């Protein structure tokens, strides 16, 4: 992987984890962003999260999916890129 993609991956990982911890609350669950993989054209990003302490991890992923647009907007304000990646 190219050096620029690695830097973009780490930057998106850091900013997404900050946005998730600041804006979203999960009942008794710890949600961490493990990895972000951005496509070479920077138009989409696969976000890998881990959920600890929740009896229903699917509820956490559903909540993240419901707030995907809000997270993308927050990401576009914090990170200046040509395209804001579509989060998957």
N, C-alpha and C. Protein backbone atom coordinates (compact mmCIF):
# COMPACT_ATOMS: atom_id res chain seq x y z
N UNK A 1 0.84 -1.17 0.00
CA UNK A 1 0.00 0.00 0.00
C UNK A 1 0.89 1.24 0.00
N UNK A 2 0.42 2.25 -0.67
CA UNK A 2 1.21 3.46 -0.77
C UNK A 2 1.23 4.21 0.55
N UNK A 3 2.27 5.00 0.71
CA UNK A 3 2.47 5.74 1.95
C UNK A 3 1.33 6.73 2.21
N UNK A 4 0.82 7.36 1.16
CA UNK A 4 -0.26 8.33 1.33
C UNK A 4 -1.54 7.65 1.81
N UNK A 5 -1.86 6.49 1.26
CA UNK A 5 -3.05 5.77 1.71
C UNK A 5 -2.93 5.34 3.17
N UNK A 6 -1.74 4.96 3.59
CA UNK A 6 -1.55 4.60 4.99
C UNK A 6 -1.79 5.80 5.91
N UNK A 7 -1.31 6.96 5.50
CA UNK A 7 -1.53 8.17 6.30
C UNK A 7 -3.00 8.56 6.34
N UNK A 8 -3.69 8.44 5.20
CA UNK A 8 -5.12 8.75 5.16
C UNK A 8 -5.90 7.76 6.02
N UNK A 9 -5.54 6.49 5.97
CA UNK A 9 -6.20 5.48 6.80
C UNK A 9 -6.07 5.81 8.28
N UNK A 10 -4.88 6.15 8.71
CA UNK A 10 -4.67 6.47 10.12
C UNK A 10 -5.38 7.76 10.53
N UNK A 11 -5.40 8.74 9.64
CA UNK A 11 -6.08 10.00 9.94
C UNK A 11 -7.58 9.78 10.08
N UNK A 12 -8.17 9.02 9.17
CA UNK A 12 -9.60 8.74 9.25
C UNK A 12 -9.94 7.90 10.47
N UNK A 13 -9.08 6.97 10.80
CA UNK A 13 -9.29 6.14 11.99
C UNK A 13 -9.30 7.00 13.24
N UNK A 14 -8.37 7.90 13.36
CA UNK A 14 -8.29 8.77 14.54
C UNK A 14 -9.50 9.70 14.63
N UNK A 15 -9.87 10.33 13.52
CA UNK A 15 -10.98 11.28 13.54
C UNK A 15 -12.33 10.57 13.75
N UNK A 16 -12.49 9.39 13.18
CA UNK A 16 -13.74 8.65 13.40
C UNK A 16 -13.87 8.19 14.84
N UNK A 17 -12.79 7.74 15.43
CA UNK A 17 -12.87 7.30 16.82
C UNK A 17 -13.19 8.47 17.75
N UNK A 18 -12.65 9.64 17.46
CA UNK A 18 -12.98 10.83 18.25
C UNK A 18 -14.45 11.19 18.09
N UNK A 19 -14.94 11.15 16.85
CA UNK A 19 -16.34 11.52 16.59
C UNK A 19 -17.31 10.52 17.23
N UNK A 20 -16.97 9.24 17.20
CA UNK A 20 -17.85 8.23 17.78
C UNK A 20 -17.91 8.38 19.29
N UNK A 21 -16.77 8.59 19.93
CA UNK A 21 -16.78 8.71 21.39
C UNK A 21 -17.43 10.01 21.85
N UNK A 22 -17.33 11.07 21.05
CA UNK A 22 -17.89 12.36 21.45
C UNK A 22 -19.39 12.44 21.17
N UNK A 23 -19.86 11.93 20.03
CA UNK A 23 -21.23 12.18 19.59
C UNK A 23 -22.20 11.04 19.88
N UNK A 24 -21.72 9.82 20.01
CA UNK A 24 -22.61 8.68 20.18
C UNK A 24 -22.41 8.05 21.56
N UNK A 25 -23.50 7.56 22.13
CA UNK A 25 -23.42 6.83 23.39
C UNK A 25 -24.01 5.45 23.19
N UNK A 26 -23.36 4.48 23.77
CA UNK A 26 -23.80 3.09 23.70
C UNK A 26 -23.98 2.58 25.12
N UNK A 27 -25.10 1.91 25.36
CA UNK A 27 -25.42 1.42 26.70
C UNK A 27 -24.53 0.24 27.08
N UNK A 28 -23.56 0.49 27.93
CA UNK A 28 -22.72 -0.58 28.44
C UNK A 28 -21.81 -1.23 27.43
N UNK A 29 -21.49 -0.52 26.36
CA UNK A 29 -20.64 -1.10 25.33
C UNK A 29 -19.45 -0.18 25.07
N UNK A 30 -18.33 -0.80 24.79
CA UNK A 30 -17.12 -0.09 24.40
C UNK A 30 -16.90 -0.33 22.91
N UNK A 31 -16.93 0.72 22.14
CA UNK A 31 -16.79 0.63 20.69
C UNK A 31 -15.46 1.26 20.30
N UNK A 32 -14.63 0.51 19.61
CA UNK A 32 -13.35 1.03 19.14
C UNK A 32 -13.23 0.82 17.64
N UNK A 33 -12.56 1.75 16.99
CA UNK A 33 -12.29 1.65 15.56
C UNK A 33 -10.95 0.95 15.42
N UNK A 34 -10.98 -0.25 14.83
CA UNK A 34 -9.75 -1.03 14.69
C UNK A 34 -8.94 -0.64 13.47
N UNK A 35 -9.63 -0.48 12.34
CA UNK A 35 -8.92 -0.25 11.10
C UNK A 35 -9.83 0.46 10.12
N UNK A 36 -9.23 1.27 9.26
CA UNK A 36 -9.94 1.92 8.16
C UNK A 36 -9.16 1.62 6.89
N UNK A 37 -9.86 1.11 5.89
CA UNK A 37 -9.25 0.85 4.59
C UNK A 37 -9.92 1.73 3.54
N UNK A 38 -9.16 2.67 3.00
CA UNK A 38 -9.68 3.58 1.99
C UNK A 38 -9.29 3.03 0.62
N UNK A 39 -10.22 3.13 -0.32
CA UNK A 39 -9.91 2.71 -1.68
C UNK A 39 -8.93 3.70 -2.30
N UNK A 40 -8.18 3.30 -3.31
CA UNK A 40 -7.17 4.20 -3.89
C UNK A 40 -7.74 5.49 -4.48
N UNK A 41 -9.02 5.49 -4.89
CA UNK A 41 -9.61 6.72 -5.42
C UNK A 41 -10.21 7.60 -4.32
N UNK A 42 -10.10 7.19 -3.06
CA UNK A 42 -10.55 7.93 -1.88
C UNK A 42 -12.06 8.19 -1.85
N UNK A 43 -12.84 7.38 -2.55
CA UNK A 43 -14.28 7.61 -2.59
C UNK A 43 -15.05 6.75 -1.60
N UNK A 44 -14.46 5.68 -1.10
CA UNK A 44 -15.14 4.87 -0.09
C UNK A 44 -14.11 4.35 0.90
N UNK A 45 -14.61 4.08 2.10
CA UNK A 45 -13.74 3.60 3.17
C UNK A 45 -14.46 2.52 3.95
N UNK A 46 -13.81 1.41 4.17
CA UNK A 46 -14.33 0.33 4.99
C UNK A 46 -13.82 0.53 6.40
N UNK A 47 -14.75 0.64 7.35
CA UNK A 47 -14.40 0.89 8.74
C UNK A 47 -14.66 -0.38 9.52
N UNK A 48 -13.65 -0.86 10.24
CA UNK A 48 -13.76 -2.06 11.05
C UNK A 48 -13.79 -1.65 12.51
N UNK A 49 -14.85 -2.05 13.22
CA UNK A 49 -15.01 -1.69 14.63
C UNK A 49 -15.10 -2.96 15.45
N UNK A 50 -14.75 -2.83 16.74
CA UNK A 50 -14.95 -3.93 17.68
C UNK A 50 -15.86 -3.44 18.79
N UNK A 51 -16.71 -4.34 19.27
CA UNK A 51 -17.69 -4.01 20.31
C UNK A 51 -17.43 -4.94 21.49
N UNK A 52 -17.19 -4.34 22.65
CA UNK A 52 -16.97 -5.11 23.87
C UNK A 52 -18.02 -4.73 24.91
N UNK A 53 -18.51 -5.72 25.62
CA UNK A 53 -19.40 -5.46 26.74
C UNK A 53 -20.85 -5.32 26.38
N UNK A 54 -21.24 -5.55 25.18
CA UNK A 54 -22.64 -5.42 24.80
C UNK A 54 -23.24 -6.80 24.58
N UNK A 55 -24.46 -6.98 25.04
CA UNK A 55 -25.13 -8.26 24.84
C UNK A 55 -25.63 -8.40 23.41
N UNK A 56 -25.87 -7.27 22.75
CA UNK A 56 -26.32 -7.29 21.36
C UNK A 56 -25.41 -6.40 20.52
N UNK A 57 -24.34 -6.95 19.97
CA UNK A 57 -23.45 -6.11 19.15
C UNK A 57 -24.12 -5.65 17.86
N UNK A 58 -25.18 -6.35 17.43
CA UNK A 58 -25.86 -5.92 16.22
C UNK A 58 -26.58 -4.59 16.42
N UNK A 59 -27.03 -4.32 17.64
CA UNK A 59 -27.67 -3.03 17.93
C UNK A 59 -26.65 -1.89 17.81
N UNK A 60 -25.43 -2.17 18.20
CA UNK A 60 -24.37 -1.15 18.08
C UNK A 60 -24.07 -0.87 16.62
N UNK A 61 -23.96 -1.91 15.81
CA UNK A 61 -23.68 -1.70 14.39
C UNK A 61 -24.85 -1.02 13.69
N UNK A 62 -26.07 -1.32 14.10
CA UNK A 62 -27.23 -0.63 13.53
C UNK A 62 -27.21 0.85 13.88
N UNK A 63 -26.84 1.17 15.11
CA UNK A 63 -26.77 2.57 15.53
C UNK A 63 -25.67 3.31 14.76
N UNK A 64 -24.54 2.64 14.53
CA UNK A 64 -23.48 3.25 13.74
C UNK A 64 -23.94 3.47 12.30
N UNK A 65 -24.68 2.52 11.76
CA UNK A 65 -25.18 2.65 10.39
C UNK A 65 -26.22 3.77 10.29
N UNK A 66 -27.06 3.93 11.31
CA UNK A 66 -28.05 5.01 11.31
C UNK A 66 -27.37 6.38 11.35
N UNK A 67 -26.25 6.48 12.03
CA UNK A 67 -25.53 7.75 12.17
C UNK A 67 -24.38 7.90 11.19
N UNK A 68 -24.36 7.10 10.14
CA UNK A 68 -23.28 7.13 9.17
C UNK A 68 -23.17 8.49 8.49
N UNK A 69 -24.29 9.09 8.13
CA UNK A 69 -24.27 10.38 7.44
C UNK A 69 -23.71 11.47 8.36
N UNK A 70 -24.11 11.43 9.63
CA UNK A 70 -23.60 12.40 10.59
C UNK A 70 -22.09 12.24 10.76
N UNK A 71 -21.62 10.99 10.80
CA UNK A 71 -20.18 10.75 10.93
C UNK A 71 -19.43 11.22 9.69
N UNK A 72 -20.02 11.02 8.51
CA UNK A 72 -19.38 11.50 7.28
C UNK A 72 -19.32 13.02 7.26
N UNK A 73 -20.38 13.69 7.73
CA UNK A 73 -20.36 15.15 7.79
C UNK A 73 -19.29 15.66 8.75
N UNK A 74 -19.20 15.01 9.90
CA UNK A 74 -18.17 15.39 10.87
C UNK A 74 -16.78 15.16 10.29
N UNK A 75 -16.63 14.08 9.57
CA UNK A 75 -15.34 13.76 8.94
C UNK A 75 -14.99 14.79 7.87
N UNK A 76 -15.98 15.24 7.12
CA UNK A 76 -15.70 16.23 6.07
C UNK A 76 -15.29 17.58 6.65
N UNK A 77 -15.77 17.89 7.87
CA UNK A 77 -15.38 19.15 8.51
C UNK A 77 -13.97 19.07 9.09
N UNK A 78 -13.56 17.90 9.55
CA UNK A 78 -12.26 17.76 10.20
C UNK A 78 -11.12 17.43 9.25
N UNK A 79 -11.42 16.67 8.19
CA UNK A 79 -10.37 16.19 7.28
C UNK A 79 -10.61 16.79 5.90
N UNK A 80 -9.60 17.45 5.38
CA UNK A 80 -9.72 18.08 4.07
C UNK A 80 -9.14 17.12 3.03
N UNK A 81 -10.05 16.55 2.24
CA UNK A 81 -9.68 15.68 1.13
C UNK A 81 -10.48 16.12 -0.09
N UNK A 82 -10.06 15.67 -1.26
CA UNK A 82 -10.80 16.00 -2.48
C UNK A 82 -12.20 15.43 -2.42
N UNK A 83 -12.32 14.18 -1.98
CA UNK A 83 -13.61 13.53 -1.79
C UNK A 83 -13.72 13.09 -0.34
N UNK A 84 -14.91 13.24 0.21
CA UNK A 84 -15.16 12.66 1.53
C UNK A 84 -15.57 11.22 1.31
N UNK A 85 -14.87 10.27 1.90
CA UNK A 85 -15.16 8.86 1.63
C UNK A 85 -16.54 8.44 2.14
N UNK A 86 -17.19 7.59 1.37
CA UNK A 86 -18.44 6.96 1.78
C UNK A 86 -18.09 5.85 2.75
N UNK A 87 -18.61 5.92 3.98
CA UNK A 87 -18.25 4.96 5.01
C UNK A 87 -19.06 3.69 4.87
N UNK A 88 -18.37 2.59 4.91
CA UNK A 88 -19.01 1.27 4.83
C UNK A 88 -18.63 0.50 6.07
